[in-house]
Amino acid sequence: MGSAHQRKTLIFKTIDELCYQYPISHLCKYFEVSRSGYYAWKKLGKPYYKNYDKDLASKILLLFNERKKGYRYITFQLKRKYEITRNPKTVLRYMRILNIKSPIRKKKFFH
């Protein structure tokens, strides 16, 4: 089961899709959320895709497909190959949007 934040985000997305067919105040009352909360969410926009750069995303995907490594390695390679300096957390956010994860290496067994 998801968190309360995820639930509200899902409700707000649903209201956003249905707002052309039904009044927003009725939808908010039906889903038991405040109108001000919906408009605050709409004003902030979808945080996942805020300032989304397709060029950067394609470079991250290219580097990941080259060698399946984590966000720290990809951040280092972006600076080295393309001279792009980004915060590692930004690279991690793009990787989450692109739905890519570095493989977990097997732990070595010691006798």
N, C-alpha and C. Protein backbone atom coordinates (compact mmCIF):
# COMPACT_ATOMS: atom_id res chain seq x y z
N MET A 1 0.84 -1.17 0.00
CA MET A 1 0.00 0.00 0.00
C MET A 1 0.88 1.24 0.00
N GLY A 2 0.53 2.25 -0.85
CA GLY A 2 1.34 3.46 -0.99
C GLY A 2 1.16 4.42 0.16
N SER A 3 2.02 5.41 0.18
CA SER A 3 1.94 6.41 1.24
C SER A 3 0.79 7.39 0.96
N ALA A 4 0.50 8.23 1.93
CA ALA A 4 -0.58 9.22 1.79
C ALA A 4 -0.25 10.23 0.69
N HIS A 5 1.03 10.57 0.57
CA HIS A 5 1.46 11.51 -0.46
C HIS A 5 1.19 10.95 -1.86
N GLN A 6 1.54 9.68 -2.07
CA GLN A 6 1.30 9.04 -3.37
C GLN A 6 -0.18 8.97 -3.67
N ARG A 7 -0.98 8.72 -2.65
CA ARG A 7 -2.43 8.62 -2.82
C ARG A 7 -3.01 9.95 -3.27
N LYS A 8 -2.57 11.03 -2.60
CA LYS A 8 -3.06 12.37 -2.97
C LYS A 8 -2.62 12.76 -4.37
N THR A 9 -1.39 12.44 -4.71
CA THR A 9 -0.89 12.74 -6.05
C THR A 9 -1.73 12.02 -7.10
N LEU A 10 -2.06 10.77 -6.84
CA LEU A 10 -2.89 9.99 -7.76
C LEU A 10 -4.28 10.61 -7.88
N ILE A 11 -4.85 11.04 -6.76
CA ILE A 11 -6.17 11.68 -6.76
C ILE A 11 -6.11 12.98 -7.57
N PHE A 12 -5.06 13.79 -7.35
CA PHE A 12 -4.94 15.06 -8.06
C PHE A 12 -4.77 14.84 -9.56
N LYS A 13 -4.03 13.80 -9.95
CA LYS A 13 -3.88 13.48 -11.37
C LYS A 13 -5.23 13.10 -11.97
N THR A 14 -6.01 12.32 -11.22
CA THR A 14 -7.34 11.90 -11.69
C THR A 14 -8.25 13.12 -11.85
N ILE A 15 -8.22 14.02 -10.88
CA ILE A 15 -9.02 15.25 -10.96
C ILE A 15 -8.59 16.07 -12.18
N ASP A 16 -7.29 16.12 -12.42
CA ASP A 16 -6.75 16.87 -13.56
C ASP A 16 -7.27 16.32 -14.88
N GLU A 17 -7.40 15.00 -14.97
CA GLU A 17 -7.92 14.37 -16.20
C GLU A 17 -9.42 14.58 -16.36
N LEU A 18 -10.16 14.58 -15.25
CA LEU A 18 -11.62 14.67 -15.30
C LEU A 18 -12.15 16.11 -15.23
N CYS A 19 -11.27 17.09 -15.06
CA CYS A 19 -11.74 18.47 -14.84
C CYS A 19 -12.45 19.06 -16.05
N TYR A 20 -12.25 18.46 -17.23
CA TYR A 20 -12.93 18.97 -18.43
C TYR A 20 -14.37 18.46 -18.52
N GLN A 21 -14.66 17.37 -17.82
CA GLN A 21 -16.00 16.78 -17.87
C GLN A 21 -16.86 17.19 -16.67
N TYR A 22 -16.24 17.41 -15.51
CA TYR A 22 -16.98 17.71 -14.28
C TYR A 22 -16.38 18.93 -13.60
N PRO A 23 -17.17 19.65 -12.80
CA PRO A 23 -16.62 20.79 -12.04
C PRO A 23 -15.58 20.32 -11.01
N ILE A 24 -14.55 21.10 -10.85
CA ILE A 24 -13.45 20.74 -9.94
C ILE A 24 -13.94 20.65 -8.50
N SER A 25 -14.84 21.55 -8.11
CA SER A 25 -15.33 21.52 -6.74
C SER A 25 -16.07 20.22 -6.44
N HIS A 26 -16.82 19.70 -7.43
CA HIS A 26 -17.52 18.42 -7.23
C HIS A 26 -16.54 17.25 -7.14
N LEU A 27 -15.53 17.29 -7.99
CA LEU A 27 -14.51 16.22 -7.97
C LEU A 27 -13.76 16.22 -6.64
N CYS A 28 -13.40 17.40 -6.16
CA CYS A 28 -12.66 17.50 -4.88
C CYS A 28 -13.52 16.99 -3.72
N LYS A 29 -14.81 17.31 -3.77
CA LYS A 29 -15.72 16.85 -2.72
C LYS A 29 -15.85 15.33 -2.78
N TYR A 30 -15.94 14.78 -4.01
CA TYR A 30 -16.08 13.33 -4.19
C TYR A 30 -14.86 12.58 -3.66
N PHE A 31 -13.66 13.09 -3.98
CA PHE A 31 -12.42 12.42 -3.56
C PHE A 31 -11.97 12.83 -2.16
N GLU A 32 -12.73 13.73 -1.53
CA GLU A 32 -12.46 14.19 -0.18
C GLU A 32 -11.08 14.84 -0.04
N VAL A 33 -10.78 15.75 -0.97
CA VAL A 33 -9.57 16.56 -0.90
C VAL A 33 -9.98 18.03 -1.04
N SER A 34 -9.13 18.93 -0.57
CA SER A 34 -9.47 20.35 -0.64
C SER A 34 -9.18 20.91 -2.03
N ARG A 35 -9.98 21.90 -2.42
CA ARG A 35 -9.77 22.55 -3.71
C ARG A 35 -8.43 23.28 -3.70
N SER A 36 -8.13 23.92 -2.57
CA SER A 36 -6.87 24.66 -2.47
C SER A 36 -5.67 23.72 -2.60
N GLY A 37 -5.80 22.52 -2.05
CA GLY A 37 -4.74 21.52 -2.18
C GLY A 37 -4.52 21.12 -3.62
N TYR A 38 -5.63 20.95 -4.35
CA TYR A 38 -5.54 20.59 -5.78
C TYR A 38 -4.85 21.71 -6.56
N TYR A 39 -5.28 22.96 -6.32
CA TYR A 39 -4.68 24.08 -7.05
C TYR A 39 -3.22 24.30 -6.67
N ALA A 40 -2.87 24.02 -5.43
CA ALA A 40 -1.46 24.12 -5.01
C ALA A 40 -0.62 23.08 -5.75
N TRP A 41 -1.17 21.86 -5.88
CA TRP A 41 -0.48 20.79 -6.61
C TRP A 41 -0.32 21.18 -8.07
N LYS A 42 -1.38 21.74 -8.65
CA LYS A 42 -1.36 22.12 -10.06
C LYS A 42 -0.35 23.25 -10.31
N LYS A 43 -0.26 24.19 -9.37
CA LYS A 43 0.67 25.30 -9.52
C LYS A 43 2.12 24.82 -9.47
N LEU A 44 2.40 23.89 -8.57
CA LEU A 44 3.75 23.33 -8.47
C LEU A 44 4.09 22.50 -9.69
N GLY A 45 3.07 21.96 -10.33
CA GLY A 45 3.29 21.11 -11.48
C GLY A 45 3.66 19.72 -11.04
N LYS A 46 3.93 18.89 -11.98
CA LYS A 46 4.33 17.53 -11.66
C LYS A 46 5.82 17.56 -11.34
N PRO A 47 6.18 17.36 -10.07
CA PRO A 47 7.57 17.53 -9.67
C PRO A 47 8.54 16.58 -10.38
N TYR A 48 8.05 15.41 -10.82
CA TYR A 48 8.92 14.48 -11.51
C TYR A 48 9.48 15.07 -12.80
N TYR A 49 8.65 15.83 -13.52
CA TYR A 49 9.05 16.31 -14.83
C TYR A 49 9.34 17.81 -14.83
N LYS A 50 9.59 18.36 -13.65
CA LYS A 50 9.90 19.78 -13.55
C LYS A 50 11.28 20.03 -14.17
N ASN A 51 11.36 20.97 -15.07
CA ASN A 51 12.61 21.31 -15.78
C ASN A 51 13.26 20.08 -16.41
N TYR A 52 12.48 19.23 -17.03
CA TYR A 52 12.98 17.99 -17.63
C TYR A 52 13.74 18.32 -18.91
N ASP A 53 14.97 17.84 -19.00
CA ASP A 53 15.82 18.09 -20.16
C ASP A 53 15.99 16.79 -20.93
N LYS A 54 15.39 16.71 -22.12
CA LYS A 54 15.44 15.47 -22.91
C LYS A 54 16.86 15.16 -23.38
N ASP A 55 17.65 16.18 -23.65
CA ASP A 55 19.02 15.99 -24.10
C ASP A 55 19.86 15.32 -23.00
N LEU A 56 19.72 15.83 -21.78
CA LEU A 56 20.44 15.25 -20.64
C LEU A 56 19.97 13.81 -20.39
N ALA A 57 18.66 13.58 -20.49
CA ALA A 57 18.11 12.24 -20.27
C ALA A 57 18.67 11.25 -21.29
N SER A 58 18.78 11.67 -22.55
CA SER A 58 19.31 10.76 -23.58
C SER A 58 20.78 10.44 -23.33
N LYS A 59 21.54 11.43 -22.84
CA LYS A 59 22.96 11.20 -22.53
C LYS A 59 23.12 10.25 -21.35
N ILE A 60 22.26 10.42 -20.34
CA ILE A 60 22.30 9.53 -19.18
C ILE A 60 21.97 8.10 -19.60
N LEU A 61 20.96 7.96 -20.45
CA LEU A 61 20.56 6.64 -20.94
C LEU A 61 21.68 6.01 -21.77
N LEU A 62 22.34 6.81 -22.59
CA LEU A 62 23.45 6.33 -23.42
C LEU A 62 24.60 5.83 -22.55
N LEU A 63 24.96 6.61 -21.53
CA LEU A 63 26.03 6.21 -20.61
C LEU A 63 25.67 4.96 -19.83
N PHE A 64 24.40 4.86 -19.42
CA PHE A 64 23.96 3.69 -18.66
C PHE A 64 24.01 2.43 -19.52
N ASN A 65 23.58 2.54 -20.78
CA ASN A 65 23.60 1.37 -21.68
C ASN A 65 25.02 0.95 -22.03
N GLU A 66 25.95 1.91 -22.01
CA GLU A 66 27.35 1.62 -22.26
C GLU A 66 27.92 0.72 -21.17
N ARG A 67 27.70 1.13 -19.92
CA ARG A 67 28.11 0.35 -18.74
C ARG A 67 27.06 0.53 -17.68
N LYS A 68 26.44 -0.53 -17.28
CA LYS A 68 25.35 -0.45 -16.31
C LYS A 68 25.92 -0.18 -14.91
N LYS A 69 26.04 1.11 -14.62
CA LYS A 69 26.58 1.55 -13.33
C LYS A 69 25.58 2.50 -12.67
N GLY A 70 25.88 2.94 -11.48
CA GLY A 70 24.99 3.78 -10.70
C GLY A 70 25.09 5.26 -11.03
N TYR A 71 24.33 6.06 -10.27
CA TYR A 71 24.25 7.49 -10.54
C TYR A 71 25.56 8.21 -10.31
N ARG A 72 26.38 7.72 -9.36
CA ARG A 72 27.66 8.38 -9.10
C ARG A 72 28.60 8.25 -10.30
N TYR A 73 28.65 7.05 -10.88
CA TYR A 73 29.49 6.79 -12.04
C TYR A 73 29.00 7.62 -13.23
N ILE A 74 27.68 7.66 -13.42
CA ILE A 74 27.12 8.39 -14.55
C ILE A 74 27.38 9.89 -14.40
N THR A 75 27.30 10.41 -13.17
CA THR A 75 27.61 11.82 -12.91
C THR A 75 29.06 12.11 -13.29
N PHE A 76 29.96 11.21 -12.89
CA PHE A 76 31.38 11.36 -13.21
C PHE A 76 31.61 11.33 -14.72
N GLN A 77 30.95 10.41 -15.42
CA GLN A 77 31.11 10.28 -16.87
C GLN A 77 30.52 11.48 -17.62
N LEU A 78 29.42 12.03 -17.13
CA LEU A 78 28.84 13.22 -17.76
C LEU A 78 29.84 14.37 -17.75
N LYS A 79 30.53 14.52 -16.60
CA LYS A 79 31.52 15.59 -16.48
C LYS A 79 32.72 15.30 -17.37
N ARG A 80 33.14 14.04 -17.41
CA ARG A 80 34.33 13.66 -18.15
C ARG A 80 34.12 13.71 -19.66
N LYS A 81 33.02 13.10 -20.15
CA LYS A 81 32.81 13.00 -21.60
C LYS A 81 32.14 14.22 -22.22
N TYR A 82 31.11 14.74 -21.54
CA TYR A 82 30.32 15.82 -22.13
C TYR A 82 30.56 17.18 -21.47
N GLU A 83 31.40 17.21 -20.42
CA GLU A 83 31.66 18.42 -19.65
C GLU A 83 30.36 19.04 -19.12
N ILE A 84 29.45 18.17 -18.67
CA ILE A 84 28.19 18.60 -18.06
C ILE A 84 28.30 18.36 -16.57
N THR A 85 28.16 19.42 -15.79
CA THR A 85 28.22 19.30 -14.34
C THR A 85 26.81 19.33 -13.79
N ARG A 86 26.39 18.25 -13.18
CA ARG A 86 25.07 18.16 -12.56
C ARG A 86 25.23 17.57 -11.17
N ASN A 87 24.30 17.90 -10.29
CA ASN A 87 24.27 17.35 -8.96
C ASN A 87 23.96 15.86 -9.07
N PRO A 88 24.64 14.99 -8.31
CA PRO A 88 24.34 13.56 -8.37
C PRO A 88 22.87 13.24 -8.10
N LYS A 89 22.22 14.04 -7.24
CA LYS A 89 20.80 13.81 -6.96
C LYS A 89 19.94 14.07 -8.19
N THR A 90 20.36 15.01 -9.04
CA THR A 90 19.65 15.29 -10.28
C THR A 90 19.76 14.09 -11.21
N VAL A 91 20.97 13.53 -11.31
CA VAL A 91 21.18 12.35 -12.16
C VAL A 91 20.34 11.19 -11.64
N LEU A 92 20.28 11.03 -10.32
CA LEU A 92 19.47 9.97 -9.72
C LEU A 92 17.99 10.16 -10.05
N ARG A 93 17.53 11.42 -10.01
CA ARG A 93 16.13 11.72 -10.34
C ARG A 93 15.82 11.35 -11.79
N TYR A 94 16.74 11.68 -12.71
CA TYR A 94 16.56 11.32 -14.11
C TYR A 94 16.54 9.81 -14.30
N MET A 95 17.40 9.12 -13.55
CA MET A 95 17.43 7.65 -13.65
C MET A 95 16.11 7.05 -13.17
N ARG A 96 15.51 7.65 -12.13
CA ARG A 96 14.21 7.17 -11.65
C ARG A 96 13.12 7.43 -12.68
N ILE A 97 13.16 8.60 -13.33
CA ILE A 97 12.18 8.93 -14.36
C ILE A 97 12.32 7.96 -15.53
N LEU A 98 13.56 7.66 -15.92
CA LEU A 98 13.82 6.74 -17.03
C LEU A 98 13.64 5.28 -16.63
N ASN A 99 13.42 5.06 -15.34
CA ASN A 99 13.22 3.71 -14.78
C ASN A 99 14.42 2.80 -15.03
N ILE A 100 15.61 3.32 -14.75
CA ILE A 100 16.82 2.51 -14.86
C ILE A 100 17.50 2.44 -13.50
N LYS A 101 18.01 1.25 -13.18
CA LYS A 101 18.69 1.03 -11.91
C LYS A 101 19.98 0.27 -12.17
N SER A 102 20.98 0.57 -11.37
CA SER A 102 22.22 -0.18 -11.51
C SER A 102 22.04 -1.56 -10.90
N PRO A 103 22.64 -2.59 -11.53
CA PRO A 103 22.50 -3.93 -10.96
C PRO A 103 23.26 -4.04 -9.64
N ILE A 104 22.71 -4.81 -8.75
CA ILE A 104 23.35 -5.02 -7.45
C ILE A 104 24.37 -6.13 -7.62
N ARG A 105 25.61 -5.85 -7.21
CA ARG A 105 26.63 -6.89 -7.40
C ARG A 105 26.52 -7.92 -6.29
N LYS A 106 26.93 -9.14 -6.63
CA LYS A 106 26.89 -10.24 -5.67
C LYS A 106 27.95 -10.05 -4.61
N LYS A 107 27.62 -10.36 -3.39
CA LYS A 107 28.60 -10.26 -2.31
C LYS A 107 29.55 -11.43 -2.39
N LYS A 108 30.82 -11.16 -2.09
CA LYS A 108 31.83 -12.22 -2.13
C LYS A 108 31.71 -13.06 -0.88
N PHE A 109 31.78 -14.33 -1.06
CA PHE A 109 31.69 -15.26 0.06
C PHE A 109 33.09 -15.58 0.55
N PHE A 110 33.35 -15.32 1.82
CA PHE A 110 34.66 -15.60 2.37
C PHE A 110 34.57 -16.83 3.27
N HIS A 111 35.57 -17.68 3.17
CA HIS A 111 35.62 -18.90 3.99
C HIS A 111 36.25 -18.60 5.33
